[in-house]
PDBML (XML) file of the C-alpha atoms, coordinates in Angstrom:
<?xml version="1.0" encoding="UTF-8" ?>
<PDBx:datablock datablockName="MODEL"
   xmlns:PDBx="http://pdbml.pdb.org/schema/pdbx-v50.xsd"
   xmlns:xsi="http://www.w3.org/2001/XMLSchema-instance"
   xsi:schemaLocation="http://pdbml.pdb.org/schema/pdbx-v50.xsd pdbx-v50.xsd">
   <PDBx:atom_siteCategory>
      <PDBx:atom_site id="1">
         <PDBx:B_iso_or_equiv>0.00</PDBx:B_iso_or_equiv>
         <PDBx:Cartn_x>-2.129</PDBx:Cartn_x>
         <PDBx:Cartn_y>-15.391</PDBx:Cartn_y>
         <PDBx:Cartn_z>9.923</PDBx:Cartn_z>
         <PDBx:auth_asym_id>A</PDBx:auth_asym_id>
         <PDBx:auth_atom_id>CA</PDBx:auth_atom_id>
         <PDBx:auth_comp_id>ILE</PDBx:auth_comp_id>
         <PDBx:auth_seq_id>1</PDBx:auth_seq_id>
         <PDBx:group_PDB>ATOM</PDBx:group_PDB>
         <PDBx:label_alt_id xsi:nil="true" />
         <PDBx:label_asym_id>A</PDBx:label_asym_id>
         <PDBx:label_atom_id>CA</PDBx:label_atom_id>
         <PDBx:label_comp_id>ILE</PDBx:label_comp_id>
         <PDBx:label_entity_id>1</PDBx:label_entity_id>
         <PDBx:label_seq_id>1</PDBx:label_seq_id>
         <PDBx:occupancy>1.00</PDBx:occupancy>
         <PDBx:pdbx_PDB_model_num>1</PDBx:pdbx_PDB_model_num>
         <PDBx:type_symbol>C</PDBx:type_symbol>
      </PDBx:atom_site>
      <PDBx:atom_site id="2">
         <PDBx:B_iso_or_equiv>0.00</PDBx:B_iso_or_equiv>
         <PDBx:Cartn_x>-1.629</PDBx:Cartn_x>
         <PDBx:Cartn_y>-18.591</PDBx:Cartn_y>
         <PDBx:Cartn_z>7.927</PDBx:Cartn_z>
         <PDBx:auth_asym_id>A</PDBx:auth_asym_id>
         <PDBx:auth_atom_id>CA</PDBx:auth_atom_id>
         <PDBx:auth_comp_id>LYS</PDBx:auth_comp_id>
         <PDBx:auth_seq_id>2</PDBx:auth_seq_id>
         <PDBx:group_PDB>ATOM</PDBx:group_PDB>
         <PDBx:label_alt_id xsi:nil="true" />
         <PDBx:label_asym_id>A</PDBx:label_asym_id>
         <PDBx:label_atom_id>CA</PDBx:label_atom_id>
         <PDBx:label_comp_id>LYS</PDBx:label_comp_id>
         <PDBx:label_entity_id>1</PDBx:label_entity_id>
         <PDBx:label_seq_id>2</PDBx:label_seq_id>
         <PDBx:occupancy>1.00</PDBx:occupancy>
         <PDBx:pdbx_PDB_model_num>1</PDBx:pdbx_PDB_model_num>
         <PDBx:type_symbol>C</PDBx:type_symbol>
      </PDBx:atom_site>
      <PDBx:atom_site id="3">
         <PDBx:B_iso_or_equiv>0.00</PDBx:B_iso_or_equiv>
         <PDBx:Cartn_x>-3.014</PDBx:Cartn_x>
         <PDBx:Cartn_y>-16.980</PDBx:Cartn_y>
         <PDBx:Cartn_z>4.764</PDBx:Cartn_z>
         <PDBx:auth_asym_id>A</PDBx:auth_asym_id>
         <PDBx:auth_atom_id>CA</PDBx:auth_atom_id>
         <PDBx:auth_comp_id>SER</PDBx:auth_comp_id>
         <PDBx:auth_seq_id>3</PDBx:auth_seq_id>
         <PDBx:group_PDB>ATOM</PDBx:group_PDB>
         <PDBx:label_alt_id xsi:nil="true" />
         <PDBx:label_asym_id>A</PDBx:label_asym_id>
         <PDBx:label_atom_id>CA</PDBx:label_atom_id>
         <PDBx:label_comp_id>SER</PDBx:label_comp_id>
         <PDBx:label_entity_id>1</PDBx:label_entity_id>
         <PDBx:label_seq_id>3</PDBx:label_seq_id>
         <PDBx:occupancy>1.00</PDBx:occupancy>
         <PDBx:pdbx_PDB_model_num>1</PDBx:pdbx_PDB_model_num>
         <PDBx:type_symbol>C</PDBx:type_symbol>
      </PDBx:atom_site>
      <PDBx:atom_site id="4">
         <PDBx:B_iso_or_equiv>0.00</PDBx:B_iso_or_equiv>
         <PDBx:Cartn_x>-0.894</PDBx:Cartn_x>
         <PDBx:Cartn_y>-13.791</PDBx:Cartn_y>
         <PDBx:Cartn_z>4.886</PDBx:Cartn_z>
         <PDBx:auth_asym_id>A</PDBx:auth_asym_id>
         <PDBx:auth_atom_id>CA</PDBx:auth_atom_id>
         <PDBx:auth_comp_id>LEU</PDBx:auth_comp_id>
         <PDBx:auth_seq_id>4</PDBx:auth_seq_id>
         <PDBx:group_PDB>ATOM</PDBx:group_PDB>
         <PDBx:label_alt_id xsi:nil="true" />
         <PDBx:label_asym_id>A</PDBx:label_asym_id>
         <PDBx:label_atom_id>CA</PDBx:label_atom_id>
         <PDBx:label_comp_id>LEU</PDBx:label_comp_id>
         <PDBx:label_entity_id>1</PDBx:label_entity_id>
         <PDBx:label_seq_id>4</PDBx:label_seq_id>
         <PDBx:occupancy>1.00</PDBx:occupancy>
         <PDBx:pdbx_PDB_model_num>1</PDBx:pdbx_PDB_model_num>
         <PDBx:type_symbol>C</PDBx:type_symbol>
      </PDBx:atom_site>
      <PDBx:atom_site id="5">
         <PDBx:B_iso_or_equiv>0.00</PDBx:B_iso_or_equiv>
         <PDBx:Cartn_x>2.051</PDBx:Cartn_x>
         <PDBx:Cartn_y>-15.064</PDBx:Cartn_y>
         <PDBx:Cartn_z>2.874</PDBx:Cartn_z>
         <PDBx:auth_asym_id>A</PDBx:auth_asym_id>
         <PDBx:auth_atom_id>CA</PDBx:auth_atom_id>
         <PDBx:auth_comp_id>PHE</PDBx:auth_comp_id>
         <PDBx:auth_seq_id>5</PDBx:auth_seq_id>
         <PDBx:group_PDB>ATOM</PDBx:group_PDB>
         <PDBx:label_alt_id xsi:nil="true" />
         <PDBx:label_asym_id>A</PDBx:label_asym_id>
         <PDBx:label_atom_id>CA</PDBx:label_atom_id>
         <PDBx:label_comp_id>PHE</PDBx:label_comp_id>
         <PDBx:label_entity_id>1</PDBx:label_entity_id>
         <PDBx:label_seq_id>5</PDBx:label_seq_id>
         <PDBx:occupancy>1.00</PDBx:occupancy>
         <PDBx:pdbx_PDB_model_num>1</PDBx:pdbx_PDB_model_num>
         <PDBx:type_symbol>C</PDBx:type_symbol>
      </PDBx:atom_site>
      <PDBx:atom_site id="6">
         <PDBx:B_iso_or_equiv>0.00</PDBx:B_iso_or_equiv>
         <PDBx:Cartn_x>0.487</PDBx:Cartn_x>
         <PDBx:Cartn_y>-17.028</PDBx:Cartn_y>
         <PDBx:Cartn_z>0.045</PDBx:Cartn_z>
         <PDBx:auth_asym_id>A</PDBx:auth_asym_id>
         <PDBx:auth_atom_id>CA</PDBx:auth_atom_id>
         <PDBx:auth_comp_id>GLU</PDBx:auth_comp_id>
         <PDBx:auth_seq_id>6</PDBx:auth_seq_id>
         <PDBx:group_PDB>ATOM</PDBx:group_PDB>
         <PDBx:label_alt_id xsi:nil="true" />
         <PDBx:label_asym_id>A</PDBx:label_asym_id>
         <PDBx:label_atom_id>CA</PDBx:label_atom_id>
         <PDBx:label_comp_id>GLU</PDBx:label_comp_id>
         <PDBx:label_entity_id>1</PDBx:label_entity_id>
         <PDBx:label_seq_id>6</PDBx:label_seq_id>
         <PDBx:occupancy>1.00</PDBx:occupancy>
         <PDBx:pdbx_PDB_model_num>1</PDBx:pdbx_PDB_model_num>
         <PDBx:type_symbol>C</PDBx:type_symbol>
      </PDBx:atom_site>
      <PDBx:atom_site id="7">
         <PDBx:B_iso_or_equiv>0.00</PDBx:B_iso_or_equiv>
         <PDBx:Cartn_x>3.363</PDBx:Cartn_x>
         <PDBx:Cartn_y>-16.326</PDBx:Cartn_y>
         <PDBx:Cartn_z>-2.330</PDBx:Cartn_z>
         <PDBx:auth_asym_id>A</PDBx:auth_asym_id>
         <PDBx:auth_atom_id>CA</PDBx:auth_atom_id>
         <PDBx:auth_comp_id>ALA</PDBx:auth_comp_id>
         <PDBx:auth_seq_id>7</PDBx:auth_seq_id>
         <PDBx:group_PDB>ATOM</PDBx:group_PDB>
         <PDBx:label_alt_id xsi:nil="true" />
         <PDBx:label_asym_id>A</PDBx:label_asym_id>
         <PDBx:label_atom_id>CA</PDBx:label_atom_id>
         <PDBx:label_comp_id>ALA</PDBx:label_comp_id>
         <PDBx:label_entity_id>1</PDBx:label_entity_id>
         <PDBx:label_seq_id>7</PDBx:label_seq_id>
         <PDBx:occupancy>1.00</PDBx:occupancy>
         <PDBx:pdbx_PDB_model_num>1</PDBx:pdbx_PDB_model_num>
         <PDBx:type_symbol>C</PDBx:type_symbol>
      </PDBx:atom_site>
      <PDBx:atom_site id="8">
         <PDBx:B_iso_or_equiv>0.00</PDBx:B_iso_or_equiv>
         <PDBx:Cartn_x>6.205</PDBx:Cartn_x>
         <PDBx:Cartn_y>-17.003</PDBx:Cartn_y>
         <PDBx:Cartn_z>0.113</PDBx:Cartn_z>
         <PDBx:auth_asym_id>A</PDBx:auth_asym_id>
         <PDBx:auth_atom_id>CA</PDBx:auth_atom_id>
         <PDBx:auth_comp_id>ASP</PDBx:auth_comp_id>
         <PDBx:auth_seq_id>8</PDBx:auth_seq_id>
         <PDBx:group_PDB>ATOM</PDBx:group_PDB>
         <PDBx:label_alt_id xsi:nil="true" />
         <PDBx:label_asym_id>A</PDBx:label_asym_id>
         <PDBx:label_atom_id>CA</PDBx:label_atom_id>
         <PDBx:label_comp_id>ASP</PDBx:label_comp_id>
         <PDBx:label_entity_id>1</PDBx:label_entity_id>
         <PDBx:label_seq_id>8</PDBx:label_seq_id>
         <PDBx:occupancy>1.00</PDBx:occupancy>
         <PDBx:pdbx_PDB_model_num>1</PDBx:pdbx_PDB_model_num>
         <PDBx:type_symbol>C</PDBx:type_symbol>
      </PDBx:atom_site>
      <PDBx:atom_site id="9">
         <PDBx:B_iso_or_equiv>0.00</PDBx:B_iso_or_equiv>
         <PDBx:Cartn_x>6.834</PDBx:Cartn_x>
         <PDBx:Cartn_y>-20.170</PDBx:Cartn_y>
         <PDBx:Cartn_z>2.080</PDBx:Cartn_z>
         <PDBx:auth_asym_id>A</PDBx:auth_asym_id>
         <PDBx:auth_atom_id>CA</PDBx:auth_atom_id>
         <PDBx:auth_comp_id>THR</PDBx:auth_comp_id>
         <PDBx:auth_seq_id>9</PDBx:auth_seq_id>
         <PDBx:group_PDB>ATOM</PDBx:group_PDB>
         <PDBx:label_alt_id xsi:nil="true" />
         <PDBx:label_asym_id>A</PDBx:label_asym_id>
         <PDBx:label_atom_id>CA</PDBx:label_atom_id>
         <PDBx:label_comp_id>THR</PDBx:label_comp_id>
         <PDBx:label_entity_id>1</PDBx:label_entity_id>
         <PDBx:label_seq_id>9</PDBx:label_seq_id>
         <PDBx:occupancy>1.00</PDBx:occupancy>
         <PDBx:pdbx_PDB_model_num>1</PDBx:pdbx_PDB_model_num>
         <PDBx:type_symbol>C</PDBx:type_symbol>
      </PDBx:atom_site>
      <PDBx:atom_site id="10">
         <PDBx:B_iso_or_equiv>0.00</PDBx:B_iso_or_equiv>
         <PDBx:Cartn_x>9.445</PDBx:Cartn_x>
         <PDBx:Cartn_y>-18.419</PDBx:Cartn_y>
         <PDBx:Cartn_z>4.242</PDBx:Cartn_z>
         <PDBx:auth_asym_id>A</PDBx:auth_asym_id>
         <PDBx:auth_atom_id>CA</PDBx:auth_atom_id>
         <PDBx:auth_comp_id>THR</PDBx:auth_comp_id>
         <PDBx:auth_seq_id>10</PDBx:auth_seq_id>
         <PDBx:group_PDB>ATOM</PDBx:group_PDB>
         <PDBx:label_alt_id xsi:nil="true" />
         <PDBx:label_asym_id>A</PDBx:label_asym_id>
         <PDBx:label_atom_id>CA</PDBx:label_atom_id>
         <PDBx:label_comp_id>THR</PDBx:label_comp_id>
         <PDBx:label_entity_id>1</PDBx:label_entity_id>
         <PDBx:label_seq_id>10</PDBx:label_seq_id>
         <PDBx:occupancy>1.00</PDBx:occupancy>
         <PDBx:pdbx_PDB_model_num>1</PDBx:pdbx_PDB_model_num>
         <PDBx:type_symbol>C</PDBx:type_symbol>
      </PDBx:atom_site>
      <PDBx:atom_site id="11">
         <PDBx:B_iso_or_equiv>0.00</PDBx:B_iso_or_equiv>
         <PDBx:Cartn_x>9.364</PDBx:Cartn_x>
         <PDBx:Cartn_y>-15.003</PDBx:Cartn_y>
         <PDBx:Cartn_z>5.925</PDBx:Cartn_z>
         <PDBx:auth_asym_id>A</PDBx:auth_asym_id>
         <PDBx:auth_atom_id>CA</PDBx:auth_atom_id>
         <PDBx:auth_comp_id>PHE</PDBx:auth_comp_id>
         <PDBx:auth_seq_id>11</PDBx:auth_seq_id>
         <PDBx:group_PDB>ATOM</PDBx:group_PDB>
         <PDBx:label_alt_id xsi:nil="true" />
         <PDBx:label_asym_id>A</PDBx:label_asym_id>
         <PDBx:label_atom_id>CA</PDBx:label_atom_id>
         <PDBx:label_comp_id>PHE</PDBx:label_comp_id>
         <PDBx:label_entity_id>1</PDBx:label_entity_id>
         <PDBx:label_seq_id>11</PDBx:label_seq_id>
         <PDBx:occupancy>1.00</PDBx:occupancy>
         <PDBx:pdbx_PDB_model_num>1</PDBx:pdbx_PDB_model_num>
         <PDBx:type_symbol>C</PDBx:type_symbol>
      </PDBx:atom_site>
      <PDBx:atom_site id="12">
         <PDBx:B_iso_or_equiv>0.00</PDBx:B_iso_or_equiv>
         <PDBx:Cartn_x>10.737</PDBx:Cartn_x>
         <PDBx:Cartn_y>-13.224</PDBx:Cartn_y>
         <PDBx:Cartn_z>8.972</PDBx:Cartn_z>
         <PDBx:auth_asym_id>A</PDBx:auth_asym_id>
         <PDBx:auth_atom_id>CA</PDBx:auth_atom_id>
         <PDBx:auth_comp_id>THR</PDBx:auth_comp_id>
         <PDBx:auth_seq_id>12</PDBx:auth_seq_id>
         <PDBx:group_PDB>ATOM</PDBx:group_PDB>
         <PDBx:label_alt_id xsi:nil="true" />
         <PDBx:label_asym_id>A</PDBx:label_asym_id>
         <PDBx:label_atom_id>CA</PDBx:label_atom_id>
         <PDBx:label_comp_id>THR</PDBx:label_comp_id>
         <PDBx:label_entity_id>1</PDBx:label_entity_id>
         <PDBx:label_seq_id>12</PDBx:label_seq_id>
         <PDBx:occupancy>1.00</PDBx:occupancy>
         <PDBx:pdbx_PDB_model_num>1</PDBx:pdbx_PDB_model_num>
         <PDBx:type_symbol>C</PDBx:type_symbol>
      </PDBx:atom_site>
      <PDBx:atom_site id="13">
         <PDBx:B_iso_or_equiv>0.00</PDBx:B_iso_or_equiv>
         <PDBx:Cartn_x>9.155</PDBx:Cartn_x>
         <PDBx:Cartn_y>-12.677</PDBx:Cartn_y>
         <PDBx:Cartn_z>12.351</PDBx:Cartn_z>
         <PDBx:auth_asym_id>A</PDBx:auth_asym_id>
         <PDBx:auth_atom_id>CA</PDBx:auth_atom_id>
         <PDBx:auth_comp_id>GLY</PDBx:auth_comp_id>
         <PDBx:auth_seq_id>13</PDBx:auth_seq_id>
         <PDBx:group_PDB>ATOM</PDBx:group_PDB>
         <PDBx:label_alt_id xsi:nil="true" />
         <PDBx:label_asym_id>A</PDBx:label_asym_id>
         <PDBx:label_atom_id>CA</PDBx:label_atom_id>
         <PDBx:label_comp_id>GLY</PDBx:label_comp_id>
         <PDBx:label_entity_id>1</PDBx:label_entity_id>
         <PDBx:label_seq_id>13</PDBx:label_seq_id>
         <PDBx:occupancy>1.00</PDBx:occupancy>
         <PDBx:pdbx_PDB_model_num>1</PDBx:pdbx_PDB_model_num>
         <PDBx:type_symbol>C</PDBx:type_symbol>
      </PDBx:atom_site>
      <PDBx:atom_site id="14">
         <PDBx:B_iso_or_equiv>0.00</PDBx:B_iso_or_equiv>
         <PDBx:Cartn_x>9.385</PDBx:Cartn_x>
         <PDBx:Cartn_y>-8.951</PDBx:Cartn_y>
         <PDBx:Cartn_z>11.698</PDBx:Cartn_z>
         <PDBx:auth_asym_id>A</PDBx:auth_asym_id>
         <PDBx:auth_atom_id>CA</PDBx:auth_atom_id>
         <PDBx:auth_comp_id>GLN</PDBx:auth_comp_id>
         <PDBx:auth_seq_id>14</PDBx:auth_seq_id>
         <PDBx:group_PDB>ATOM</PDBx:group_PDB>
         <PDBx:label_alt_id xsi:nil="true" />
         <PDBx:label_asym_id>A</PDBx:label_asym_id>
         <PDBx:label_atom_id>CA</PDBx:label_atom_id>
         <PDBx:label_comp_id>GLN</PDBx:label_comp_id>
         <PDBx:label_entity_id>1</PDBx:label_entity_id>
         <PDBx:label_seq_id>14</PDBx:label_seq_id>
         <PDBx:occupancy>1.00</PDBx:occupancy>
         <PDBx:pdbx_PDB_model_num>1</PDBx:pdbx_PDB_model_num>
         <PDBx:type_symbol>C</PDBx:type_symbol>
      </PDBx:atom_site>
      <PDBx:atom_site id="15">
         <PDBx:B_iso_or_equiv>0.00</PDBx:B_iso_or_equiv>
         <PDBx:Cartn_x>7.253</PDBx:Cartn_x>
         <PDBx:Cartn_y>-9.302</PDBx:Cartn_y>
         <PDBx:Cartn_z>8.559</PDBx:Cartn_z>
         <PDBx:auth_asym_id>A</PDBx:auth_asym_id>
         <PDBx:auth_atom_id>CA</PDBx:auth_atom_id>
         <PDBx:auth_comp_id>GLN</PDBx:auth_comp_id>
         <PDBx:auth_seq_id>15</PDBx:auth_seq_id>
         <PDBx:group_PDB>ATOM</PDBx:group_PDB>
         <PDBx:label_alt_id xsi:nil="true" />
         <PDBx:label_asym_id>A</PDBx:label_asym_id>
         <PDBx:label_atom_id>CA</PDBx:label_atom_id>
         <PDBx:label_comp_id>GLN</PDBx:label_comp_id>
         <PDBx:label_entity_id>1</PDBx:label_entity_id>
         <PDBx:label_seq_id>15</PDBx:label_seq_id>
         <PDBx:occupancy>1.00</PDBx:occupancy>
         <PDBx:pdbx_PDB_model_num>1</PDBx:pdbx_PDB_model_num>
         <PDBx:type_symbol>C</PDBx:type_symbol>
      </PDBx:atom_site>
      <PDBx:atom_site id="16">
         <PDBx:B_iso_or_equiv>0.00</PDBx:B_iso_or_equiv>
         <PDBx:Cartn_x>4.713</PDBx:Cartn_x>
         <PDBx:Cartn_y>-11.362</PDBx:Cartn_y>
         <PDBx:Cartn_z>10.467</PDBx:Cartn_z>
         <PDBx:auth_asym_id>A</PDBx:auth_asym_id>
         <PDBx:auth_atom_id>CA</PDBx:auth_atom_id>
         <PDBx:auth_comp_id>LEU</PDBx:auth_comp_id>
         <PDBx:auth_seq_id>16</PDBx:auth_seq_id>
         <PDBx:group_PDB>ATOM</PDBx:group_PDB>
         <PDBx:label_alt_id xsi:nil="true" />
         <PDBx:label_asym_id>A</PDBx:label_asym_id>
         <PDBx:label_atom_id>CA</PDBx:label_atom_id>
         <PDBx:label_comp_id>LEU</PDBx:label_comp_id>
         <PDBx:label_entity_id>1</PDBx:label_entity_id>
         <PDBx:label_seq_id>16</PDBx:label_seq_id>
         <PDBx:occupancy>1.00</PDBx:occupancy>
         <PDBx:pdbx_PDB_model_num>1</PDBx:pdbx_PDB_model_num>
         <PDBx:type_symbol>C</PDBx:type_symbol>
      </PDBx:atom_site>
      <PDBx:atom_site id="17">
         <PDBx:B_iso_or_equiv>0.00</PDBx:B_iso_or_equiv>
         <PDBx:Cartn_x>4.418</PDBx:Cartn_x>
         <PDBx:Cartn_y>-9.010</PDBx:Cartn_y>
         <PDBx:Cartn_z>13.455</PDBx:Cartn_z>
         <PDBx:auth_asym_id>A</PDBx:auth_asym_id>
         <PDBx:auth_atom_id>CA</PDBx:auth_atom_id>
         <PDBx:auth_comp_id>SER</PDBx:auth_comp_id>
         <PDBx:auth_seq_id>17</PDBx:auth_seq_id>
         <PDBx:group_PDB>ATOM</PDBx:group_PDB>
         <PDBx:label_alt_id xsi:nil="true" />
         <PDBx:label_asym_id>A</PDBx:label_asym_id>
         <PDBx:label_atom_id>CA</PDBx:label_atom_id>
         <PDBx:label_comp_id>SER</PDBx:label_comp_id>
         <PDBx:label_entity_id>1</PDBx:label_entity_id>
         <PDBx:label_seq_id>17</PDBx:label_seq_id>
         <PDBx:occupancy>1.00</PDBx:occupancy>
         <PDBx:pdbx_PDB_model_num>1</PDBx:pdbx_PDB_model_num>
         <PDBx:type_symbol>C</PDBx:type_symbol>
      </PDBx:atom_site>
      <PDBx:atom_site id="18">
         <PDBx:B_iso_or_equiv>0.00</PDBx:B_iso_or_equiv>
         <PDBx:Cartn_x>3.777</PDBx:Cartn_x>
         <PDBx:Cartn_y>-6.038</PDBx:Cartn_y>
         <PDBx:Cartn_z>11.169</PDBx:Cartn_z>
         <PDBx:auth_asym_id>A</PDBx:auth_asym_id>
         <PDBx:auth_atom_id>CA</PDBx:auth_atom_id>
         <PDBx:auth_comp_id>ARG</PDBx:auth_comp_id>
         <PDBx:auth_seq_id>18</PDBx:auth_seq_id>
         <PDBx:group_PDB>ATOM</PDBx:group_PDB>
         <PDBx:label_alt_id xsi:nil="true" />
         <PDBx:label_asym_id>A</PDBx:label_asym_id>
         <PDBx:label_atom_id>CA</PDBx:label_atom_id>
         <PDBx:label_comp_id>ARG</PDBx:label_comp_id>
         <PDBx:label_entity_id>1</PDBx:label_entity_id>
         <PDBx:label_seq_id>18</PDBx:label_seq_id>
         <PDBx:occupancy>1.00</PDBx:occupancy>
         <PDBx:pdbx_PDB_model_num>1</PDBx:pdbx_PDB_model_num>
         <PDBx:type_symbol>C</PDBx:type_symbol>
      </PDBx:atom_site>
      <PDBx:atom_site id="19">
         <PDBx:B_iso_or_equiv>0.00</PDBx:B_iso_or_equiv>
         <PDBx:Cartn_x>0.846</PDBx:Cartn_x>
         <PDBx:Cartn_y>-7.691</PDBx:Cartn_y>
         <PDBx:Cartn_z>9.423</PDBx:Cartn_z>
         <PDBx:auth_asym_id>A</PDBx:auth_asym_id>
         <PDBx:auth_atom_id>CA</PDBx:auth_atom_id>
         <PDBx:auth_comp_id>ARG</PDBx:auth_comp_id>
         <PDBx:auth_seq_id>19</PDBx:auth_seq_id>
         <PDBx:group_PDB>ATOM</PDBx:group_PDB>
         <PDBx:label_alt_id xsi:nil="true" />
         <PDBx:label_asym_id>A</PDBx:label_asym_id>
         <PDBx:label_atom_id>CA</PDBx:label_atom_id>
         <PDBx:label_comp_id>ARG</PDBx:label_comp_id>
         <PDBx:label_entity_id>1</PDBx:label_entity_id>
         <PDBx:label_seq_id>19</PDBx:label_seq_id>
         <PDBx:occupancy>1.00</PDBx:occupancy>
         <PDBx:pdbx_PDB_model_num>1</PDBx:pdbx_PDB_model_num>
         <PDBx:type_symbol>C</PDBx:type_symbol>
      </PDBx:atom_site>
      <PDBx:atom_site id="20">
         <PDBx:B_iso_or_equiv>0.00</PDBx:B_iso_or_equiv>
         <PDBx:Cartn_x>-1.237</PDBx:Cartn_x>
         <PDBx:Cartn_y>-9.309</PDBx:Cartn_y>
         <PDBx:Cartn_z>12.141</PDBx:Cartn_z>
         <PDBx:auth_asym_id>A</PDBx:auth_asym_id>
         <PDBx:auth_atom_id>CA</PDBx:auth_atom_id>
         <PDBx:auth_comp_id>ILE</PDBx:auth_comp_id>
         <PDBx:auth_seq_id>20</PDBx:auth_seq_id>
         <PDBx:group_PDB>ATOM</PDBx:group_PDB>
         <PDBx:label_alt_id xsi:nil="true" />
         <PDBx:label_asym_id>A</PDBx:label_asym_id>
         <PDBx:label_atom_id>CA</PDBx:label_atom_id>
         <PDBx:label_comp_id>ILE</PDBx:label_comp_id>
         <PDBx:label_entity_id>1</PDBx:label_entity_id>
         <PDBx:label_seq_id>20</PDBx:label_seq_id>
         <PDBx:occupancy>1.00</PDBx:occupancy>
         <PDBx:pdbx_PDB_model_num>1</PDBx:pdbx_PDB_model_num>
         <PDBx:type_symbol>C</PDBx:type_symbol>
      </PDBx:atom_site>
      <PDBx:atom_site id="21">
         <PDBx:B_iso_or_equiv>0.00</PDBx:B_iso_or_equiv>
         <PDBx:Cartn_x>-3.732</PDBx:Cartn_x>
         <PDBx:Cartn_y>-7.889</PDBx:Cartn_y>
         <PDBx:Cartn_z>14.596</PDBx:Cartn_z>
         <PDBx:auth_asym_id>A</PDBx:auth_asym_id>
         <PDBx:auth_atom_id>CA</PDBx:auth_atom_id>
         <PDBx:auth_comp_id>LYS</PDBx:auth_comp_id>
         <PDBx:auth_seq_id>21</PDBx:auth_seq_id>
         <PDBx:group_PDB>ATOM</PDBx:group_PDB>
         <PDBx:label_alt_id xsi:nil="true" />
         <PDBx:label_asym_id>A</PDBx:label_asym_id>
         <PDBx:label_atom_id>CA</PDBx:label_atom_id>
         <PDBx:label_comp_id>LYS</PDBx:label_comp_id>
         <PDBx:label_entity_id>1</PDBx:label_entity_id>
         <PDBx:label_seq_id>21</PDBx:label_seq_id>
         <PDBx:occupancy>1.00</PDBx:occupancy>
         <PDBx:pdbx_PDB_model_num>1</PDBx:pdbx_PDB_model_num>
         <PDBx:type_symbol>C</PDBx:type_symbol>
      </PDBx:atom_site>
      <PDBx:atom_site id="22">
         <PDBx:B_iso_or_equiv>0.00</PDBx:B_iso_or_equiv>
         <PDBx:Cartn_x>-2.455</PDBx:Cartn_x>
         <PDBx:Cartn_y>-6.500</PDBx:Cartn_y>
         <PDBx:Cartn_z>17.872</PDBx:Cartn_z>
         <PDBx:auth_asym_id>A</PDBx:auth_asym_id>
         <PDBx:auth_atom_id>CA</PDBx:auth_atom_id>
         <PDBx:auth_comp_id>GLU</PDBx:auth_comp_id>
         <PDBx:auth_seq_id>22</PDBx:auth_seq_id>
         <PDBx:group_PDB>ATOM</PDBx:group_PDB>
         <PDBx:label_alt_id xsi:nil="true" />
         <PDBx:label_asym_id>A</PDBx:label_asym_id>
         <PDBx:label_atom_id>CA</PDBx:label_atom_id>
         <PDBx:label_comp_id>GLU</PDBx:label_comp_id>
         <PDBx:label_entity_id>1</PDBx:label_entity_id>
         <PDBx:label_seq_id>22</PDBx:label_seq_id>
         <PDBx:occupancy>1.00</PDBx:occupancy>
         <PDBx:pdbx_PDB_model_num>1</PDBx:pdbx_PDB_model_num>
         <PDBx:type_symbol>C</PDBx:type_symbol>
      </PDBx:atom_site>
      <PDBx:atom_site id="23">
         <PDBx:B_iso_or_equiv>0.00</PDBx:B_iso_or_equiv>
         <PDBx:Cartn_x>-2.939</PDBx:Cartn_x>
         <PDBx:Cartn_y>-8.701</PDBx:Cartn_y>
         <PDBx:Cartn_z>20.898</PDBx:Cartn_z>
         <PDBx:auth_asym_id>A</PDBx:auth_asym_id>
         <PDBx:auth_atom_id>CA</PDBx:auth_atom_id>
         <PDBx:auth_comp_id>GLY</PDBx:auth_comp_id>
         <PDBx:auth_seq_id>23</PDBx:auth_seq_id>
         <PDBx:group_PDB>ATOM</PDBx:group_PDB>
         <PDBx:label_alt_id xsi:nil="true" />
         <PDBx:label_asym_id>A</PDBx:label_asym_id>
         <PDBx:label_atom_id>CA</PDBx:label_atom_id>
         <PDBx:label_comp_id>GLY</PDBx:label_comp_id>
         <PDBx:label_entity_id>1</PDBx:label_entity_id>
         <PDBx:label_seq_id>23</PDBx:label_seq_id>
         <PDBx:occupancy>1.00</PDBx:occupancy>
         <PDBx:pdbx_PDB_model_num>1</PDBx:pdbx_PDB_model_num>
         <PDBx:type_symbol>C</PDBx:type_symbol>
      </PDBx:atom_site>
      <PDBx:atom_site id="24">
         <PDBx:B_iso_or_equiv>0.00</PDBx:B_iso_or_equiv>
         <PDBx:Cartn_x>-1.558</PDBx:Cartn_x>
         <PDBx:Cartn_y>-11.944</PDBx:Cartn_y>
         <PDBx:Cartn_z>22.219</PDBx:Cartn_z>
         <PDBx:auth_asym_id>A</PDBx:auth_asym_id>
         <PDBx:auth_atom_id>CA</PDBx:auth_atom_id>
         <PDBx:auth_comp_id>PHE</PDBx:auth_comp_id>
         <PDBx:auth_seq_id>24</PDBx:auth_seq_id>
         <PDBx:group_PDB>ATOM</PDBx:group_PDB>
         <PDBx:label_alt_id xsi:nil="true" />
         <PDBx:label_asym_id>A</PDBx:label_asym_id>
         <PDBx:label_atom_id>CA</PDBx:label_atom_id>
         <PDBx:label_comp_id>PHE</PDBx:label_comp_id>
         <PDBx:label_entity_id>1</PDBx:label_entity_id>
         <PDBx:label_seq_id>24</PDBx:label_seq_id>
         <PDBx:occupancy>1.00</PDBx:occupancy>
         <PDBx:pdbx_PDB_model_num>1</PDBx:pdbx_PDB_model_num>
         <PDBx:type_symbol>C</PDBx:type_symbol>
      </PDBx:atom_site>
      <PDBx:atom_site id="25">
         <PDBx:B_iso_or_equiv>0.00</PDBx:B_iso_or_equiv>
         <PDBx:Cartn_x>-1.856</PDBx:Cartn_x>
         <PDBx:Cartn_y>-15.472</PDBx:Cartn_y>
         <PDBx:Cartn_z>20.895</PDBx:Cartn_z>
         <PDBx:auth_asym_id>A</PDBx:auth_asym_id>
         <PDBx:auth_atom_id>CA</PDBx:auth_atom_id>
         <PDBx:auth_comp_id>TYR</PDBx:auth_comp_id>
         <PDBx:auth_seq_id>25</PDBx:auth_seq_id>
         <PDBx:group_PDB>ATOM</PDBx:group_PDB>
         <PDBx:label_alt_id xsi:nil="true" />
         <PDBx:label_asym_id>A</PDBx:label_asym_id>
         <PDBx:label_atom_id>CA</PDBx:label_atom_id>
         <PDBx:label_comp_id>TYR</PDBx:label_comp_id>
         <PDBx:label_entity_id>1</PDBx:label_entity_id>
         <PDBx:label_seq_id>25</PDBx:label_seq_id>
         <PDBx:occupancy>1.00</PDBx:occupancy>
         <PDBx:pdbx_PDB_model_num>1</PDBx:pdbx_PDB_model_num>
         <PDBx:type_symbol>C</PDBx:type_symbol>
      </PDBx:atom_site>
   </PDBx:atom_siteCategory>
</PDBx:datablock>
């Protein structure tokens, strides 16, 4: 999760939820 957005230091929760594995953390 922490390595998904190497080029951007800011991003939305929508962007994050679309790119990580289903489940709960």
